[in-house]
PDB file of N, CA and C in Angstrom:
ATOM      1  N   MET A   1      49.508  57.518 -73.720  1.00  0.00           N
ATOM      2  CA  MET A   1      49.494  57.809 -72.275  1.00  0.00           C
ATOM      3  C   MET A   1      49.064  59.158 -71.863  1.00  0.00           C
ATOM      4  N   SER A   2      48.552  59.059 -70.830  1.00  0.00           N
ATOM      5  CA  SER A   2      48.058  60.128 -70.635  1.00  0.00           C
ATOM      6  C   SER A   2      48.827  60.452 -68.733  1.00  0.00           C
ATOM      7  N   ARG A   3      49.426  62.590 -68.677  1.00  0.00           N
ATOM      8  CA  ARG A   3      49.502  62.080 -67.363  1.00  0.00           C
ATOM      9  C   ARG A   3      48.981  62.444 -66.374  1.00  0.00           C
ATOM     10  N   ASP A   4      48.749  62.662 -65.491  1.00  0.00           N
ATOM     11  CA  ASP A   4      48.154  62.823 -64.381  1.00  0.00           C
ATOM     12  C   ASP A   4      47.690  64.708 -64.302  1.00  0.00           C
ATOM     13  N   LEU A   5      46.978  64.929 -64.235  1.00  0.00           N
ATOM     14  CA  LEU A   5      46.031  66.259 -64.456  1.00  0.00           C
ATOM     15  C   LEU A   5      45.978  67.262 -63.542  1.00  0.00           C
ATOM     16  N   LEU A   6      46.237  68.230 -62.407  1.00  0.00           N
ATOM     17  CA  LEU A   6      46.271  68.511 -61.535  1.00  0.00           C
ATOM     18  C   LEU A   6      45.707  69.677 -62.133  1.00  0.00           C
ATOM     19  N   LEU A   7      43.848  70.247 -61.365  1.00  0.00           N
ATOM     20  CA  LEU A   7      43.069  71.469 -61.684  1.00  0.00           C
ATOM     21  C   LEU A   7      43.639  72.253 -60.185  1.00  0.00           C
ATOM     22  N   LEU A   8      44.109  73.633 -60.286  1.00  0.00           N
ATOM     23  CA  LEU A   8      44.092  74.231 -58.782  1.00  0.00           C
ATOM     24  C   LEU A   8      43.541  75.391 -59.092  1.00  0.00           C
ATOM     25  N   LEU A   9      42.667  76.466 -58.262  1.00  0.00           N
ATOM     26  CA  LEU A   9      42.107  77.927 -58.635  1.00  0.00           C
ATOM     27  C   LEU A   9      43.827  78.725 -58.418  1.00  0.00           C
ATOM     28  N   GLU A  10      43.929  79.309 -59.320  1.00  0.00           N
ATOM     29  CA  GLU A  10      45.406  80.314 -59.383  1.00  0.00           C
ATOM     30  C   GLU A  10      44.942  80.931 -57.891  1.00  0.00           C
ATOM     31  N   PRO A  11      46.491  81.133 -57.638  1.00  0.00           N
ATOM     32  CA  PRO A  11      46.612  82.029 -56.049  1.00  0.00           C
ATOM     33  C   PRO A  11      46.151  83.931 -56.559  1.00  0.00           C
ATOM     34  N   GLY A  12      45.416  84.625 -55.550  1.00  0.00           N
ATOM     35  CA  GLY A  12      45.220  85.320 -55.727  1.00  0.00           C
ATOM     36  C   GLY A  12      44.731  86.355 -56.621  1.00  0.00           C
ATOM     37  N   PHE A  13      43.332  84.634 -56.305  1.00  0.00           N
ATOM     38  CA  PHE A  13      41.812  85.141 -57.665  1.00  0.00           C
ATOM     39  C   PHE A  13      41.224  86.350 -56.875  1.00  0.00           C
ATOM     40  N   THR A  14      40.194  86.631 -58.060  1.00  0.00           N
ATOM     41  CA  THR A  14      39.492  87.897 -57.289  1.00  0.00           C
ATOM     42  C   THR A  14      37.894  87.309 -57.380  1.00  0.00           C
ATOM     43  N   ASP A  15      37.104  87.589 -56.728  1.00  0.00           N
ATOM     44  CA  ASP A  15      35.878  87.168 -56.890  1.00  0.00           C
ATOM     45  C   ASP A  15      34.950  88.525 -56.570  1.00  0.00           C
ATOM     46  N   PRO A  16      33.917  88.394 -57.903  1.00  0.00           N
ATOM     47  CA  PRO A  16      33.291  89.796 -58.143  1.00  0.00           C
ATOM     48  C   PRO A  16      32.217  89.916 -56.833  1.00  0.00           C
ATOM     49  N   ALA A  17      31.994  89.136 -56.319  1.00  0.00           N
ATOM     50  CA  ALA A  17      31.612  89.639 -54.637  1.00  0.00           C
ATOM     51  C   ALA A  17      32.065  90.503 -53.454  1.00  0.00           C
ATOM     52  N   TYR A  18      33.338  90.339 -53.854  1.00  0.00           N
ATOM     53  CA  TYR A  18      34.518  91.124 -53.071  1.00  0.00           C
ATOM     54  C   TYR A  18      34.943  92.228 -53.972  1.00  0.00           C
ATOM     55  N   PRO A  19      34.763  93.182 -54.381  1.00  0.00           N
ATOM     56  CA  PRO A  19      35.705  93.994 -55.254  1.00  0.00           C
ATOM     57  C   PRO A  19      36.942  94.117 -54.502  1.00  0.00           C
ATOM     58  N   GLY A  20      37.949  94.106 -54.955  1.00  0.00           N
ATOM     59  CA  GLY A  20      39.490  95.028 -54.723  1.00  0.00           C
ATOM     60  C   GLY A  20      40.115  93.779 -54.105  1.00  0.00           C
ATOM     61  N   GLU A  21      39.441  92.355 -53.542  1.00  0.00           N
ATOM     62  CA  GLU A  21      39.835  91.543 -52.608  1.00  0.00           C
ATOM     63  C   GLU A  21      40.583  90.127 -53.413  1.00  0.00           C
ATOM     64  N   ARG A  22      41.596  89.882 -53.045  1.00  0.00           N
ATOM     65  CA  ARG A  22      42.206  88.994 -53.740  1.00  0.00           C
ATOM     66  C   ARG A  22      42.648  87.499 -52.734  1.00  0.00           C
ATOM     67  N   PHE A  23      42.242  86.300 -53.418  1.00  0.00           N
ATOM     68  CA  PHE A  23      41.860  85.597 -52.446  1.00  0.00           C
ATOM     69  C   PHE A  23      42.693  83.989 -52.622  1.00  0.00           C
ATOM     70  N   ILE A  24      43.149  82.893 -51.881  1.00  0.00           N
ATOM     71  CA  ILE A  24      43.365  81.795 -52.307  1.00  0.00           C
ATOM     72  C   ILE A  24      42.478  80.798 -52.187  1.00  0.00           C
ATOM     73  N   CYS A  25      42.928  79.535 -52.412  1.00  0.00           N
ATOM     74  CA  CYS A  25      41.888  78.499 -51.762  1.00  0.00           C
ATOM     75  C   CYS A  25      42.325  77.892 -50.577  1.00  0.00           C
ATOM     76  N   PRO A  26      41.112  78.162 -49.896  1.00  0.00           N
ATOM     77  CA  PRO A  26      41.842  77.106 -48.429  1.00  0.00           C
ATOM     78  C   PRO A  26      41.961  75.521 -48.725  1.00  0.00           C
ATOM     79  N   ASP A  27      41.457  74.319 -49.778  1.00  0.00           N
ATOM     80  CA  ASP A  27      41.912  73.285 -50.198  1.00  0.00           C
ATOM     81  C   ASP A  27      43.323  73.255 -51.068  1.00  0.00           C
ATOM     82  N   GLY A  28      43.075  74.179 -51.513  1.00  0.00           N
ATOM     83  CA  GLY A  28      44.421  74.176 -53.086  1.00  0.00           C
ATOM     84  C   GLY A  28      45.890  74.624 -52.101  1.00  0.00           C
ATOM     85  N   ALA A  29      45.796  75.639 -51.130  1.00  0.00           N
ATOM     86  CA  ALA A  29      46.995  75.911 -50.392  1.00  0.00           C
ATOM     87  C   ALA A  29      47.799  74.565 -49.680  1.00  0.00           C
ATOM     88  N   PRO A  30      47.466  73.689 -49.417  1.00  0.00           N
ATOM     89  CA  PRO A  30      48.493  72.873 -49.234  1.00  0.00           C
ATOM     90  C   PRO A  30      48.909  72.219 -50.255  1.00  0.00           C
ATOM     91  N   ILE A  31      48.217  72.317 -51.348  1.00  0.00           N
ATOM     92  CA  ILE A  31      48.995  71.489 -52.686  1.00  0.00           C
ATOM     93  C   ILE A  31      49.985  72.344 -53.425  1.00  0.00           C
ATOM     94  N   GLU A  32      49.276  73.355 -53.179  1.00  0.00           N
ATOM     95  CA  GLU A  32      50.295  74.830 -53.875  1.00  0.00           C
ATOM     96  C   GLU A  32      51.785  74.897 -53.089  1.00  0.00           C
ATOM     97  N   GLY A  33      51.166  74.120 -51.503  1.00  0.00           N
ATOM     98  CA  GLY A  33      53.174  74.286 -50.488  1.00  0.00           C
ATOM     99  C   GLY A  33      53.443  72.877 -51.155  1.00  0.00           C
ATOM    100  N   LEU A  34      52.929  72.263 -51.379  1.00  0.00           N
ATOM    101  CA  LEU A  34      53.657  70.675 -51.773  1.00  0.00           C
ATOM    102  C   LEU A  34      54.439  71.270 -53.525  1.00  0.00           C
ATOM    103  N   LEU A  35      53.645  71.244 -53.961  1.00  0.00           N
ATOM    104  CA  LEU A  35      54.074  71.590 -55.142  1.00  0.00           C
ATOM    105  C   LEU A  35      55.386  72.448 -55.459  1.00  0.00           C
ATOM    106  N   ALA A  36      55.203  73.454 -54.412  1.00  0.00           N
ATOM    107  CA  ALA A  36      56.288  74.741 -54.606  1.00  0.00           C
ATOM    108  C   ALA A  36      57.633  74.051 -54.190  1.00  0.00           C
ATOM    109  N   GLY A  37      57.747  73.051 -52.309  1.00  0.00           N
ATOM    110  CA  GLY A  37      58.934  72.269 -52.326  1.00  0.00           C
ATOM    111  C   GLY A  37      59.774  71.714 -52.957  1.00  0.00           C
ATOM    112  N   ASP A  38      58.728  70.942 -54.227  1.00  0.00           N
ATOM    113  CA  ASP A  38      59.603  70.062 -55.220  1.00  0.00           C
ATOM    114  C   ASP A  38      59.385  70.268 -56.736  1.00  0.00           C
ATOM    115  N   PRO A  39      59.827  71.465 -57.216  1.00  0.00           N
ATOM    116  CA  PRO A  39      58.965  71.665 -58.782  1.00  0.00           C
ATOM    117  C   PRO A  39      59.527  71.202 -59.433  1.00  0.00           C
ATOM    118  N   ALA A  40      60.947  70.065 -59.400  1.00  0.00           N
ATOM    119  CA  ALA A  40      61.292  68.788 -60.538  1.00  0.00           C
ATOM    120  C   ALA A  40      60.160  67.608 -60.461  1.00  0.00           C
ATOM    121  N   ARG A  41      59.175  67.676 -59.172  1.00  0.00           N
ATOM    122  CA  ARG A  41      58.540  66.444 -59.170  1.00  0.00           C
ATOM    123  C   ARG A  41      57.272  66.947 -59.644  1.00  0.00           C
ATOM    124  N   ALA A  42      56.985  68.400 -59.335  1.00  0.00           N
ATOM    125  CA  ALA A  42      55.703  69.225 -60.003  1.00  0.00           C
ATOM    126  C   ALA A  42      55.916  68.673 -61.238  1.00  0.00           C
ATOM    127  N   ASP A  43      56.838  68.885 -62.079  1.00  0.00           N
ATOM    128  CA  ASP A  43      56.996  68.498 -63.336  1.00  0.00           C
ATOM    129  C   ASP A  43      56.994  67.437 -64.187  1.00  0.00           C
ATOM    130  N   ARG A  44      56.208  66.130 -63.624  1.00  0.00           N
ATOM    131  CA  ARG A  44      56.196  64.865 -63.235  1.00  0.00           C
ATOM    132  C   ARG A  44      54.453  65.035 -63.690  1.00  0.00           C
ATOM    133  N   LEU A  45      53.957  65.875 -63.623  1.00  0.00           N
ATOM    134  CA  LEU A  45      52.276  65.702 -63.934  1.00  0.00           C
ATOM    135  C   LEU A  45      52.213  67.430 -64.110  1.00  0.00           C
ATOM    136  N   ASP A  46      50.912  66.887 -65.233  1.00  0.00           N
ATOM    137  CA  ASP A  46      50.553  68.440 -65.744  1.00  0.00           C
ATOM    138  C   ASP A  46      49.297  69.528 -64.898  1.00  0.00           C
ATOM    139  N   ILE A  47      49.448  70.381 -64.711  1.00  0.00           N
ATOM    140  CA  ILE A  47      49.297  71.251 -63.379  1.00  0.00           C
ATOM    141  C   ILE A  47      48.760  72.404 -64.333  1.00  0.00           C
ATOM    142  N   ARG A  48      47.455  72.695 -64.431  1.00  0.00           N
ATOM    143  CA  ARG A  48      46.614  73.956 -64.534  1.00  0.00           C
ATOM    144  C   ARG A  48      45.883  74.925 -63.722  1.00  0.00           C
ATOM    145  N   ARG A  49      46.483  75.520 -63.220  1.00  0.00           N
ATOM    146  CA  ARG A  49      45.746  76.950 -62.809  1.00  0.00           C
ATOM    147  C   ARG A  49      44.744  77.645 -63.189  1.00  0.00           C
ATOM    148  N   LEU A  50      43.453  78.029 -62.676  1.00  0.00           N
ATOM    149  CA  LEU A  50      42.174  78.417 -63.279  1.00  0.00           C
ATOM    150  C   LEU A  50      41.866  79.271 -63.132  1.00  0.00           C
ATOM    151  N   PRO A  51      40.875  80.504 -63.172  1.00  0.00           N
ATOM    152  CA  PRO A  51      40.706  81.345 -62.575  1.00  0.00           C
ATOM    153  C   PRO A  51      39.345  81.207 -62.137  1.00  0.00           C
ATOM    154  N   PHE A  52      38.640  81.895 -60.755  1.00  0.00           N
ATOM    155  CA  PHE A  52      37.434  81.488 -59.911  1.00  0.00           C
ATOM    156  C   PHE A  52      36.594  81.286 -60.764  1.00  0.00           C
ATOM    157  N   ALA A  53      35.861  82.556 -61.689  1.00  0.00           N
ATOM    158  CA  ALA A  53      34.652  81.950 -63.130  1.00  0.00           C
ATOM    159  C   ALA A  53      34.567  81.418 -62.934  1.00  0.00           C
ATOM    160  N   ARG A  54      33.148  81.119 -63.607  1.00  0.00           N
ATOM    161  CA  ARG A  54      32.466  79.815 -63.940  1.00  0.00           C
ATOM    162  C   ARG A  54      32.092  80.327 -65.104  1.00  0.00           C
ATOM    163  N   PRO A  55      31.745  79.333 -66.314  1.00  0.00           N
ATOM    164  CA  PRO A  55      32.393  78.533 -66.397  1.00  0.00           C
ATOM    165  C   PRO A  55      33.971  78.095 -66.207  1.00  0.00           C
ATOM    166  N   ARG A  56      34.742  77.317 -65.744  1.00  0.00           N
ATOM    167  CA  ARG A  56      35.734  76.686 -65.379  1.00  0.00           C
ATOM    168  C   ARG A  56      36.073  75.714 -66.603  1.00  0.00           C
ATOM    169  N   GLN A  57      36.147  76.136 -68.286  1.00  0.00           N
ATOM    170  CA  GLN A  57      35.797  75.566 -69.190  1.00  0.00           C
ATOM    171  C   GLN A  57      37.119  74.673 -69.230  1.00  0.00           C
ATOM    172  N   ALA A  58      38.257  74.403 -68.520  1.00  0.00           N
ATOM    173  CA  ALA A  58      39.253  73.867 -68.699  1.00  0.00           C
ATOM    174  C   ALA A  58      38.810  72.311 -67.639  1.00  0.00           C
ATOM    175  N   VAL A  59      37.786  73.012 -66.730  1.00  0.00           N
ATOM    176  CA  VAL A  59      37.237  71.408 -66.179  1.00  0.00           C
ATOM    177  C   VAL A  59      36.287  71.505 -67.079  1.00  0.00           C
ATOM    178  N   VAL A  60      35.550  71.946 -67.478  1.00  0.00           N
ATOM    179  CA  VAL A  60      34.547  71.561 -68.610  1.00  0.00           C
ATOM    180  C   VAL A  60      35.004  70.289 -69.338  1.00  0.00           C
ATOM    181  N   GLU A  61      36.178  71.061 -70.471  1.00  0.00           N
ATOM    182  CA  GLU A  61      36.394  69.790 -71.103  1.00  0.00           C
ATOM    183  C   GLU A  61      37.136  69.039 -70.878  1.00  0.00           C
ATOM    184  N   ALA A  62      37.783  68.790 -69.163  1.00  0.00           N
ATOM    185  CA  ALA A  62      38.260  67.577 -68.551  1.00  0.00           C
ATOM    186  C   ALA A  62      37.365  66.696 -68.211  1.00  0.00           C
ATOM    187  N   LEU A  63      36.405  67.268 -67.647  1.00  0.00           N
ATOM    188  CA  LEU A  63      35.194  66.245 -66.638  1.00  0.00           C
ATOM    189  C   LEU A  63      34.101  66.194 -67.243  1.00  0.00           C
ATOM    190  N   ASP A  64      33.206  67.878 -66.480  1.00  0.00           N
ATOM    191  CA  ASP A  64      32.049  68.345 -67.582  1.00  0.00           C
ATOM    192  C   ASP A  64      31.454  69.183 -66.312  1.00  0.00           C
ATOM    193  N   ALA A  65      30.647  70.304 -67.019  1.00  0.00           N
ATOM    194  CA  ALA A  65      30.065  71.051 -66.184  1.00  0.00           C
ATOM    195  C   ALA A  65      29.335  71.393 -64.831  1.00  0.00           C
ATOM    196  N   ASP A  66      29.101  69.316 -64.697  1.00  0.00           N
ATOM    197  CA  ASP A  66      28.490  69.028 -63.249  1.00  0.00           C
ATOM    198  C   ASP A  66      29.534  69.189 -62.001  1.00  0.00           C
ATOM    199  N   HIS A  67      31.142  69.405 -62.532  1.00  0.00           N
ATOM    200  CA  HIS A  67      32.181  68.801 -61.750  1.00  0.00           C
ATOM    201  C   HIS A  67      33.482  69.593 -61.945  1.00  0.00           C
ATOM    202  N   GLN A  68      32.935  71.084 -61.986  1.00  0.00           N
ATOM    203  CA  GLN A  68      33.864  72.120 -61.502  1.00  0.00           C
ATOM    204  C   GLN A  68      34.624  73.073 -60.248  1.00  0.00           C
ATOM    205  N   SER A  69      33.802  71.796 -59.444  1.00  0.00           N
ATOM    206  CA  SER A  69      34.774  72.337 -58.046  1.00  0.00           C
ATOM    207  C   SER A  69      36.177  71.879 -57.952  1.00  0.00           C
ATOM    208  N   LEU A  70      37.058  72.787 -57.529  1.00  0.00           N
ATOM    209  CA  LEU A  70      38.694  72.748 -57.579  1.00  0.00           C
ATOM    210  C   LEU A  70      39.314  72.317 -55.908  1.00  0.00           C
ATOM    211  N   PRO A  71      40.424  71.904 -55.305  1.00  0.00           N
ATOM    212  CA  PRO A  71      41.107  70.872 -56.654  1.00  0.00           C
ATOM    213  C   PRO A  71      40.474  69.770 -57.603  1.00  0.00           C
ATOM    214  N   VAL A  72      40.685  69.488 -58.209  1.00  0.00           N
ATOM    215  CA  VAL A  72      40.725  67.875 -58.866  1.00  0.00           C
ATOM    216  C   VAL A  72      41.901  67.319 -59.416  1.00  0.00           C
ATOM    217  N   LEU A  73      42.226  66.580 -58.928  1.00  0.00           N
ATOM    218  CA  LEU A  73      43.604  65.582 -59.518  1.00  0.00           C
ATOM    219  C   LEU A  73      42.927  64.810 -60.644  1.00  0.00           C
ATOM    220  N   ILE A  74      43.096  64.359 -61.771  1.00  0.00           N
ATOM    221  CA  ILE A  74      42.301  63.981 -62.547  1.00  0.00           C
ATOM    222  C   ILE A  74      43.254  62.797 -63.029  1.00  0.00           C
ATOM    223  N   LEU A  75      43.368  61.050 -63.035  1.00  0.00           N
ATOM    224  CA  LEU A  75      44.378  60.154 -62.965  1.00  0.00           C
ATOM    225  C   LEU A  75      44.592  59.915 -64.515  1.00  0.00           C
ATOM    226  N   GLY A  76      45.815  60.202 -64.790  1.00  0.00           N
ATOM    227  CA  GLY A  76      46.306  59.524 -65.778  1.00  0.00           C
ATOM    228  C   GLY A  76      46.535  58.206 -66.205  1.00  0.00           C
ATOM    229  N   ASP A  77      46.789  57.342 -67.257  1.00  0.00           N
ATOM    230  CA  ASP A  77      46.827  56.433 -67.703  1.00  0.00           C
ATOM    231  C   ASP A  77      48.445  55.789 -67.444  1.00  0.00           C
ATOM    232  N   GLU A  78      49.398  56.493 -67.283  1.00  0.00           N
ATOM    233  CA  GLU A  78      50.746  56.156 -67.103  1.00  0.00           C
ATOM    234  C   GLU A  78      51.345  55.286 -66.239  1.00  0.00           C
ATOM    235  N   GLN A  79      49.958  55.947 -64.808  1.00  0.00           N
ATOM    236  CA  GLN A  79      50.679  54.409 -63.615  1.00  0.00           C
ATOM    237  C   GLN A  79      49.083  54.235 -63.505  1.00  0.00           C
ATOM    238  N   PRO A  80      49.126  52.802 -62.918  1.00  0.00           N
ATOM    239  CA  PRO A  80      47.978  52.022 -62.582  1.00  0.00           C
ATOM    240  C   PRO A  80      47.684  53.046 -61.888  1.00  0.00           C
ATOM    241  N   LEU A  81      46.252  52.631 -61.897  1.00  0.00           N
ATOM    242  CA  LEU A  81      45.055  52.810 -60.683  1.00  0.00           C
ATOM    243  C   LEU A  81      45.777  52.408 -59.266  1.00  0.00           C
ATOM    244  N   PRO A  82      45.193  53.760 -58.091  1.00  0.00           N
ATOM    245  CA  PRO A  82      45.530  53.110 -57.055  1.00  0.00           C
ATOM    246  C   PRO A  82      44.267  51.715 -56.201  1.00  0.00           C
ATOM    247  N   ASN A  83      45.259  51.223 -54.903  1.00  0.00           N
ATOM    248  CA  ASN A  83      44.706  50.311 -54.822  1.00  0.00           C
ATOM    249  C   ASN A  83      43.166  50.541 -54.249  1.00  0.00           C
ATOM    250  N   ASP A  84      42.924  51.715 -53.590  1.00  0.00           N
ATOM    251  CA  ASP A  84      41.622  52.292 -53.132  1.00  0.00           C
ATOM    252  C   ASP A  84      40.532  52.810 -54.818  1.00  0.00           C
ATOM    253  N   ALA A  85      41.313  52.166 -56.072  1.00  0.00           N
ATOM    254  CA  ALA A  85      40.334  52.880 -56.955  1.00  0.00           C
ATOM    255  C   ALA A  85      38.812  52.784 -57.062  1.00  0.00           C
ATOM    256  N   ALA A  86      38.464  51.898 -56.584  1.00  0.00           N
ATOM    257  CA  ALA A  86      36.958  51.736 -56.216  1.00  0.00           C
ATOM    258  C   ALA A  86      36.387  53.036 -55.657  1.00  0.00           C
ATOM    259  N   GLU A  87      37.267  54.124 -54.488  1.00  0.00           N
ATOM    260  CA  GLU A  87      36.789  54.708 -54.279  1.00  0.00           C
ATOM    261  C   GLU A  87      37.151  56.066 -54.579  1.00  0.00           C
ATOM    262  N   VAL A  88      37.718  55.941 -55.592  1.00  0.00           N
ATOM    263  CA  VAL A  88      38.227  57.405 -56.776  1.00  0.00           C
ATOM    264  C   VAL A  88      36.673  57.232 -57.490  1.00  0.00           C
ATOM    265  N   GLN A  89      36.771  58.695 -57.871  1.00  0.00           N
ATOM    266  CA  GLN A  89      35.566  59.003 -58.430  1.00  0.00           C
ATOM    267  C   GLN A  89      35.607  58.808 -59.875  1.00  0.00           C
ATOM    268  N   LYS A  90      34.700  57.903 -60.924  1.00  0.00           N
ATOM    269  CA  LYS A  90      34.423  57.884 -61.894  1.00  0.00           C
ATOM    270  C   LYS A  90      33.500  58.833 -62.839  1.00  0.00           C
ATOM    271  N   LEU A  91      34.226  59.072 -63.889  1.00  0.00           N
ATOM    272  CA  LEU A  91      33.475  59.676 -65.053  1.00  0.00           C
ATOM    273  C   LEU A  91      33.807  59.302 -66.287  1.00  0.00           C
ATOM    274  N   GLY A  92      32.645  58.436 -66.959  1.00  0.00           N
ATOM    275  CA  GLY A  92      33.238  57.831 -68.261  1.00  0.00           C
ATOM    276  C   GLY A  92      34.330  56.853 -67.774  1.00  0.00           C
ATOM    277  N   ASP A  93      35.667  57.055 -68.737  1.00  0.00           N
ATOM    278  CA  ASP A  93      36.609  56.789 -68.486  1.00  0.00           C
ATOM    279  C   ASP A  93      37.757  57.574 -67.607  1.00  0.00           C
ATOM    280  N   LYS A  94      37.028  58.313 -67.236  1.00  0.00           N
ATOM    281  CA  LYS A  94      38.044  59.149 -66.063  1.00  0.00           C
ATOM    282  C   LYS A  94      37.824  59.300 -64.667  1.00  0.00           C
ATOM    283  N   ARG A  95      38.996  58.804 -64.133  1.00  0.00           N
ATOM    284  CA  ARG A  95      39.425  58.887 -62.789  1.00  0.00           C
ATOM    285  C   ARG A  95      39.725  59.863 -61.849  1.00  0.00           C
ATOM    286  N   PHE A  96      38.839  60.619 -60.797  1.00  0.00           N
ATOM    287  CA  PHE A  96      39.606  61.743 -60.117  1.00  0.00           C
ATOM    288  C   PHE A  96      39.314  61.802 -58.824  1.00  0.00           C
ATOM    289  N   VAL A  97      39.518  62.480 -58.406  1.00  0.00           N
ATOM    290  CA  VAL A  97      39.499  62.443 -57.100  1.00  0.00           C
ATOM    291  C   VAL A  97      39.409  64.637 -56.424  1.00  0.00           C
ATOM    292  N   THR A  98      38.823  64.549 -55.456  1.00  0.00           N
ATOM    293  CA  THR A  98      38.344  66.274 -55.155  1.00  0.00           C
ATOM    294  C   THR A  98      38.934  66.637 -53.779  1.00  0.00           C
ATOM    295  N   ASP A  99      39.287  65.438 -53.019  1.00  0.00           N
ATOM    296  CA  ASP A  99      39.293  65.519 -51.353  1.00  0.00           C
ATOM    297  C   ASP A  99      41.033  65.731 -51.594  1.00  0.00           C
ATOM    298  N   THR A 100      41.316  66.681 -50.697  1.00  0.00           N
ATOM    299  CA  THR A 100      42.145  67.435 -50.477  1.00  0.00           C
ATOM    300  C   THR A 100      43.473  66.459 -49.885  1.00  0.00           C
ATOM    301  N   ARG A 101      43.499  66.301 -49.085  1.00  0.00           N
ATOM    302  CA  ARG A 101      44.148  65.235 -48.285  1.00  0.00           C
ATOM    303  C   ARG A 101      44.649  63.471 -49.339  1.00  0.00           C
ATOM    304  N   ARG A 102      43.372  63.467 -49.965  1.00  0.00           N
ATOM    305  CA  ARG A 102      43.621  62.035 -50.991  1.00  0.00           C
ATOM    306  C   ARG A 102      44.471  62.211 -52.034  1.00  0.00           C
ATOM    307  N   ILE A 103      44.232  64.131 -52.685  1.00  0.00           N
ATOM    308  CA  ILE A 103      45.153  64.405 -53.340  1.00  0.00           C
ATOM    309  C   ILE A 103      46.589  64.633 -53.117  1.00  0.00           C
ATOM    310  N   LEU A 104      46.659  65.105 -51.736  1.00  0.00           N
ATOM    311  CA  LEU A 104      48.215  64.850 -51.363  1.00  0.00           C
ATOM    312  C   LEU A 104      48.490  63.424 -51.220  1.00  0.00           C
ATOM    313  N   ASP A 105      47.855  62.644 -50.519  1.00  0.00           N
ATOM    314  CA  ASP A 105      48.376  61.010 -50.109  1.00  0.00           C
ATOM    315  C   ASP A 105      49.073  60.811 -52.169  1.00  0.00           C
ATOM    316  N   LEU A 106      47.749  60.776 -53.336  1.00  0.00           N
ATOM    317  CA  LEU A 106      48.328  60.494 -53.982  1.00  0.00           C
ATOM    318  C   LEU A 106      48.945  60.909 -54.707  1.00  0.00           C
ATOM    319  N   LEU A 107      50.195  62.332 -54.925  1.00  0.00           N
ATOM    320  CA  LEU A 107      51.003  62.514 -55.394  1.00  0.00           C
ATOM    321  C   LEU A 107      52.367  62.213 -54.562  1.00  0.00           C
ATOM    322  N   ALA A 108      51.851  62.003 -53.154  1.00  0.00           N
ATOM    323  CA  ALA A 108      53.126  61.718 -52.774  1.00  0.00           C
ATOM    324  C   ALA A 108      53.581  59.967 -53.562  1.00  0.00           C
ATOM    325  N   GLU A 109      51.879  59.143 -53.236  1.00  0.00           N
ATOM    326  CA  GLU A 109      52.447  57.894 -54.401  1.00  0.00           C
ATOM    327  C   GLU A 109      51.871  57.940 -55.629  1.00  0.00           C
ATOM    328  N   ARG A 110      52.217  58.382 -56.233  1.00  0.00           N
ATOM    329  CA  ARG A 110      51.802  58.126 -57.678  1.00  0.00           C
ATOM    330  C   ARG A 110      53.553  59.572 -58.474  1.00  0.00           C
ATOM    331  N   HIS A 111      54.088  60.168 -57.638  1.00  0.00           N
ATOM    332  CA  HIS A 111      55.223  61.056 -57.883  1.00  0.00           C
ATOM    333  C   HIS A 111      55.909  61.344 -56.689  1.00  0.00           C
ATOM    334  N   GLY A 112      56.431  60.788 -55.802  1.00  0.00           N
ATOM    335  CA  GLY A 112      57.086  60.612 -54.886  1.00  0.00           C
ATOM    336  C   GLY A 112      57.075  61.748 -54.291  1.00  0.00           C
ATOM    337  N   PHE A 113      56.075  62.632 -54.013  1.00  0.00           N
ATOM    338  CA  PHE A 113      55.882  63.858 -53.056  1.00  0.00           C
ATOM    339  C   PHE A 113      56.813  63.738 -51.149  1.00  0.00           C
ATOM    340  N   PHE A 114      56.709  64.497 -50.702  1.00  0.00           N
ATOM    341  CA  PHE A 114      56.656  64.415 -49.559  1.00  0.00           C
ATOM    342  C   PHE A 114      55.137  64.096 -48.983  1.00  0.00           C
ATOM    343  N   LYS A 115      55.201  62.836 -48.040  1.00  0.00           N
ATOM    344  CA  LYS A 115      53.777  62.223 -47.450  1.00  0.00           C
ATOM    345  C   LYS A 115      53.754  62.813 -46.218  1.00  0.00           C
ATOM    346  N   VAL A 116      52.357  63.638 -46.342  1.00  0.00           N
ATOM    347  CA  VAL A 116      51.789  64.278 -45.403  1.00  0.00           C
ATOM    348  C   VAL A 116      51.230  63.284 -43.623  1.00  0.00           C
ATOM    349  N   HIS A 117      52.318  64.024 -42.659  1.00  0.00           N
ATOM    350  CA  HIS A 117      52.116  63.357 -41.438  1.00  0.00           C
ATOM    351  C   HIS A 117      50.779  63.295 -40.425  1.00  0.00           C
TER     352      HIS A 117
END
């Protein structure tokens, strides 16, 4: 059985195109906020924060080289697929979601985080 895997860009990442500056991911920031608000629930899934530079080896290993955009939630098999499983992206036997709002919704549904109002 595998747990859900959440891959995010590490906060404060650097981009060689902007020397000396540090950034956050605008899509990952709301997810980071949700995780920070309930660390005990965050421990129920696997979370990896990755550097900005590509290739992102952890993403390549989890999905493939063509799907390196972050954030991404890769659904584990500890829980049933969501009701809208047909809307979830599929790659081989892996199911994953890249839309930030849907990731937030799934974190609430699958792990008991607060829902977005």
